[in-house]
Protein backbone atom coordinates (compact mmCIF):
# COMPACT_ATOMS: atom_id res chain seq x y z
CA MET A 1 11.09 105.31 -1.45
CA SER A 2 12.84 105.16 -4.21
CA GLN A 3 14.23 101.75 -5.59
CA LYS A 4 17.98 101.45 -7.46
CA PRO A 5 17.71 100.85 -11.12
CA LYS A 6 18.78 96.79 -11.66
CA HIS A 7 21.47 96.67 -13.57
CA THR A 8 21.09 95.21 -17.31
CA ARG A 9 22.79 92.86 -18.60
CA ASN A 10 24.53 93.87 -21.95
CA PRO A 11 25.20 90.43 -23.93
CA ALA A 12 27.36 91.51 -26.69
CA GLU A 13 29.39 93.67 -23.86
CA THR A 14 29.70 90.41 -21.89
CA ARG A 15 30.65 88.09 -25.32
CA GLN A 16 33.23 90.99 -25.87
CA LYS A 17 35.11 90.92 -22.39
CA LEU A 18 35.20 87.16 -22.55
CA LEU A 19 36.78 87.16 -26.25
CA GLY A 20 39.10 90.26 -25.08
CA ALA A 21 40.40 88.39 -21.98
CA THR A 22 40.85 84.88 -24.04
CA LEU A 23 42.87 87.04 -26.73
CA HIS A 24 45.52 88.85 -23.83
CA LEU A 25 46.03 85.87 -22.04
CA MET A 26 46.52 83.39 -25.58
CA LEU A 27 48.76 85.83 -27.23
CA ARG A 28 50.61 85.80 -24.02
CA GLN A 29 50.92 82.54 -23.11
CA GLY A 30 49.09 80.36 -25.51
CA TYR A 31 46.15 77.78 -25.72
CA ALA A 32 47.28 75.04 -22.89
CA ALA A 33 48.33 77.49 -20.36
CA THR A 34 45.12 79.63 -20.68
CA THR A 35 42.43 77.96 -17.89
CA VAL A 36 39.10 79.18 -18.07
CA ASP A 37 39.52 80.70 -14.37
CA GLN A 38 41.87 82.42 -15.92
CA ILE A 39 39.84 83.68 -18.68
CA CYS A 40 36.94 84.66 -16.22
CA ALA A 41 39.46 86.55 -13.74
CA GLU A 42 40.78 88.80 -16.34
CA ALA A 43 37.58 89.39 -17.79
CA ALA A 44 35.85 89.85 -14.22
CA LEU A 45 33.02 87.45 -14.54
CA THR A 46 31.80 84.41 -12.98
CA LYS A 47 32.13 80.98 -14.87
CA GLY A 48 28.34 81.13 -15.36
CA SER A 49 28.62 83.84 -17.29
CA PHE A 50 31.40 82.10 -19.23
CA PHE A 51 29.10 78.74 -19.54
CA HIS A 52 26.34 80.56 -20.88
CA TYR A 53 28.32 82.14 -23.93
CA PHE A 54 31.10 79.16 -24.51
CA GLU A 55 30.76 75.75 -24.00
CA SER A 56 34.26 75.14 -23.23
CA LYS A 57 37.81 76.53 -23.65
CA GLU A 58 37.89 75.30 -27.05
CA ALA A 59 34.87 76.83 -28.33
CA ILE A 60 36.00 80.42 -26.92
CA ALA A 61 39.25 80.24 -28.54
CA LYS A 62 38.27 79.31 -32.04
CA ALA A 63 36.05 82.34 -31.55
CA ALA A 64 38.86 84.55 -29.98
CA VAL A 65 40.84 83.34 -33.62
CA ASP A 66 37.93 84.34 -35.37
CA ALA A 67 37.84 87.59 -33.78
CA PHE A 68 41.48 88.54 -34.21
CA ALA A 69 41.12 87.24 -38.09
CA GLN A 70 38.57 89.96 -38.65
CA MET A 71 40.52 92.63 -36.70
CA GLY A 72 43.52 91.75 -39.09
CA THR A 73 41.30 92.16 -42.01
CA ASP A 74 39.63 95.21 -41.04
CA MET A 75 43.78 96.83 -40.49
CA TYR A 76 44.57 95.47 -44.03
CA SER A 77 41.45 96.69 -45.92
CA PRO A 78 42.31 100.47 -46.68
CA ALA A 79 45.43 98.77 -48.80
CA TRP A 80 42.65 97.28 -51.04
CA GLN A 81 39.66 99.93 -50.89
CA ASP A 82 40.93 101.80 -53.95
CA ALA A 83 39.84 99.91 -56.71
CA SER A 84 41.61 101.94 -59.05
CA GLN A 85 44.88 102.25 -57.52
CA ASP A 86 47.97 100.24 -59.22
CA PRO A 87 48.08 96.73 -57.61
CA LEU A 88 51.61 96.92 -57.00
CA GLU A 89 50.57 100.23 -54.80
CA GLN A 90 47.77 98.38 -52.88
CA LEU A 91 50.77 95.63 -52.17
CA HIS A 92 52.94 98.26 -50.91
CA HIS A 93 50.31 99.85 -48.85
CA LEU A 94 49.91 96.45 -47.29
CA LEU A 95 53.28 96.13 -46.49
CA ASP A 96 53.34 99.22 -45.05
CA ILE A 97 50.19 98.44 -42.52
CA MET A 98 52.14 95.20 -41.59
CA ILE A 99 55.41 97.16 -40.51
CA THR A 100 52.77 99.91 -38.33
CA PHE A 101 51.76 96.67 -36.66
CA ASN A 102 55.22 95.76 -35.83
CA GLN A 103 55.79 99.65 -34.23
CA ARG A 104 52.90 99.79 -31.62
CA PRO A 105 54.71 100.71 -28.13
CA ASP A 106 54.59 98.07 -25.50
CA GLN A 107 52.91 95.64 -27.85
CA PRO A 108 54.62 92.48 -29.33
CA CYS A 109 54.14 91.67 -32.93
CA VAL A 110 51.94 88.10 -32.47
CA CYS A 111 49.15 86.39 -34.72
CA MET A 112 46.13 84.76 -32.28
CA VAL A 113 45.82 82.55 -36.40
CA GLY A 114 49.84 81.65 -36.09
CA MET A 115 49.83 80.91 -32.52
CA MET A 116 46.99 78.41 -32.66
CA SER A 117 48.12 76.97 -36.03
CA GLN A 118 51.05 76.16 -34.41
CA GLU A 119 50.09 74.83 -31.15
CA LEU A 120 47.12 72.80 -32.02
CA ALA A 121 46.66 72.11 -35.83
CA ALA A 122 48.28 68.53 -35.65
CA VAL A 123 45.31 67.87 -32.74
CA ASN A 124 42.31 69.54 -33.55
CA ASP A 125 41.03 69.20 -36.77
CA ASP A 126 38.22 72.10 -36.17
CA MET A 127 41.09 74.44 -34.80
CA ARG A 128 43.29 73.85 -37.78
CA THR A 129 40.33 74.14 -40.49
CA ALA A 130 39.81 77.24 -38.95
CA CYS A 131 43.21 78.72 -39.19
CA GLN A 132 43.85 77.39 -42.81
CA GLY A 133 40.51 79.28 -43.79
CA HIS A 134 41.92 82.54 -42.26
CA LEU A 135 45.78 82.04 -43.93
CA GLN A 136 43.81 81.52 -47.15
CA ASP A 137 42.12 84.73 -47.17
CA TRP A 138 45.02 86.74 -46.42
CA ALA A 139 46.74 84.69 -49.17
CA ASP A 140 44.19 85.28 -51.59
CA ARG A 141 44.14 88.97 -51.21
CA VAL A 142 47.51 89.06 -52.06
CA THR A 143 46.83 86.82 -54.89
CA LEU A 144 44.88 88.95 -56.69
CA MET A 145 47.19 91.87 -56.67
CA LEU A 146 49.76 90.04 -57.81
CA THR A 147 47.45 88.56 -60.51
CA ALA A 148 46.26 91.55 -61.68
CA ALA A 149 50.15 93.22 -61.58
CA LYS A 150 51.03 91.24 -64.02
CA LYS A 151 48.13 92.05 -66.46
CA ILE A 152 49.38 96.15 -66.41
CA HIS A 153 53.58 95.58 -65.77
CA ARG A 154 55.38 93.68 -67.52
CA VAL A 155 57.58 90.62 -65.74
CA LYS A 156 61.04 90.19 -65.34
CA VAL A 157 60.31 86.30 -64.87
CA ASP A 158 57.23 84.74 -64.97
CA PHE A 159 55.96 83.61 -61.71
CA ASP A 160 53.06 82.18 -60.12
CA PRO A 161 50.85 84.73 -57.93
CA ASP A 162 49.45 82.31 -55.56
CA GLN A 163 52.60 80.88 -54.90
CA VAL A 164 54.71 84.37 -54.33
CA ALA A 165 51.65 84.92 -51.78
CA TRP A 166 51.92 81.77 -49.92
CA PHE A 167 56.04 82.90 -49.45
CA LEU A 168 55.05 85.99 -48.21
CA ASN A 169 52.21 84.76 -45.70
CA SER A 170 54.71 82.32 -44.62
CA LEU A 171 57.30 85.09 -44.46
CA TRP A 172 54.98 87.26 -42.52
CA GLN A 173 54.23 84.46 -40.23
CA GLY A 174 57.39 83.38 -39.47
CA SER A 175 58.95 86.42 -38.98
CA MET A 176 56.58 86.68 -35.97
CA LEU A 177 57.10 83.21 -34.17
CA ILE A 178 60.89 84.27 -34.63
CA GLY A 179 60.64 87.80 -33.44
CA LYS A 180 58.97 86.50 -30.32
CA THR A 181 62.66 84.45 -29.83
CA ARG A 182 64.25 87.55 -30.47
CA SER A 183 62.41 90.57 -29.01
CA SER A 184 63.37 92.15 -32.16
CA PRO A 185 60.31 93.93 -34.08
CA GLU A 186 63.32 95.26 -35.94
CA MET A 187 64.12 91.94 -37.73
CA ILE A 188 60.07 91.55 -38.79
CA ILE A 189 60.17 94.89 -40.73
CA ALA A 190 63.75 93.72 -42.26
CA ASN A 191 62.31 90.99 -43.51
CA ILE A 192 59.02 92.88 -44.53
CA GLU A 193 61.44 94.95 -46.48
CA LEU A 194 62.94 92.53 -47.86
CA ALA A 195 59.89 90.70 -49.24
CA ARG A 196 58.87 94.22 -50.80
CA GLY A 197 62.15 94.59 -53.03
CA TYR A 198 61.70 90.88 -53.80
CA VAL A 199 58.35 91.79 -55.44
CA MET A 200 59.47 94.76 -56.78
CA SER A 201 62.13 92.87 -58.68
CA LEU A 202 60.21 90.22 -60.14
CA PHE A 203 58.94 93.30 -62.43
CA GLU A 204 59.88 95.51 -65.01
CA ASN A 205 58.99 98.66 -64.82
CA PRO A 206 57.24 98.91 -61.37
CA PRO A 207 55.27 102.11 -60.81
CA ARG A 208 57.75 104.99 -60.12
CA SER A 209 56.30 105.90 -56.69
CA ALA A 210 56.58 102.02 -55.33
CA MET A 211 60.33 101.75 -56.86
CA ALA A 212 60.99 105.04 -54.84
CA LYS A 213 59.56 103.89 -51.60
CA THR A 214 61.69 100.34 -52.23
CA LEU A 215 65.07 102.53 -52.51
CA ALA A 216 64.22 104.73 -49.80
CA LYS A 217 63.49 102.04 -47.17
CA LYS A 218 67.11 100.61 -48.70
CA LYS A 219 68.73 103.68 -47.67
CA SER A 220 67.30 104.57 -44.77
CA LYS A 221 68.08 101.34 -43.09
CA PRO A 222 70.07 98.73 -44.19
CA VAL A 223 69.02 95.18 -43.24
CA SER A 224 72.73 94.28 -42.74
CA SER A 225 72.91 96.95 -39.81
CA LEU A 226 70.00 95.01 -37.79
CA SER A 227 70.85 92.72 -35.01
């Protein structure tokens, strides 16, 4: 009589199920409202499996923040992969990717890093440090683009690339926050286009293709028409 093959546990798959469930729940309802029981139910796994991989809800939340940040880096990375490309074109590519993130059907534009920063940074030093690191990584990428752009393009008014990078980061995170209350991805996209125009206005002779893209965006959808 043949025996049924035993189910082989896949640790990576189990861990990923738990992380996916955590992201799904916390992006929808936040950290405080999410319980370990809910995570296990969402992942269709036992609490024994949960505590085999994570010692607490705080631990899996931090791992979920790291996983989301890595997903974001993978999503943004095509913008800077071509080192020979004009840095302003790289920045335009990055802004286009951000807009695409808002255009996914039936998926709200939310950020795990931003949400956990807002909810936990003031009370949890480990989470604050983790979120700060991921936000710094994004700002550093943009700082590099703007610093390189200043070396090859004449500027209208001198500016600090790091300061402008953090302005763009703040606008991105703040727009996602307000976009949740207004259920308006259009508003987020409009803000990104305003940011695009602002950056282009810092330079006297931006690349023709980049400038054409900025003008086309202004003609296709005026910001004032968005509710």
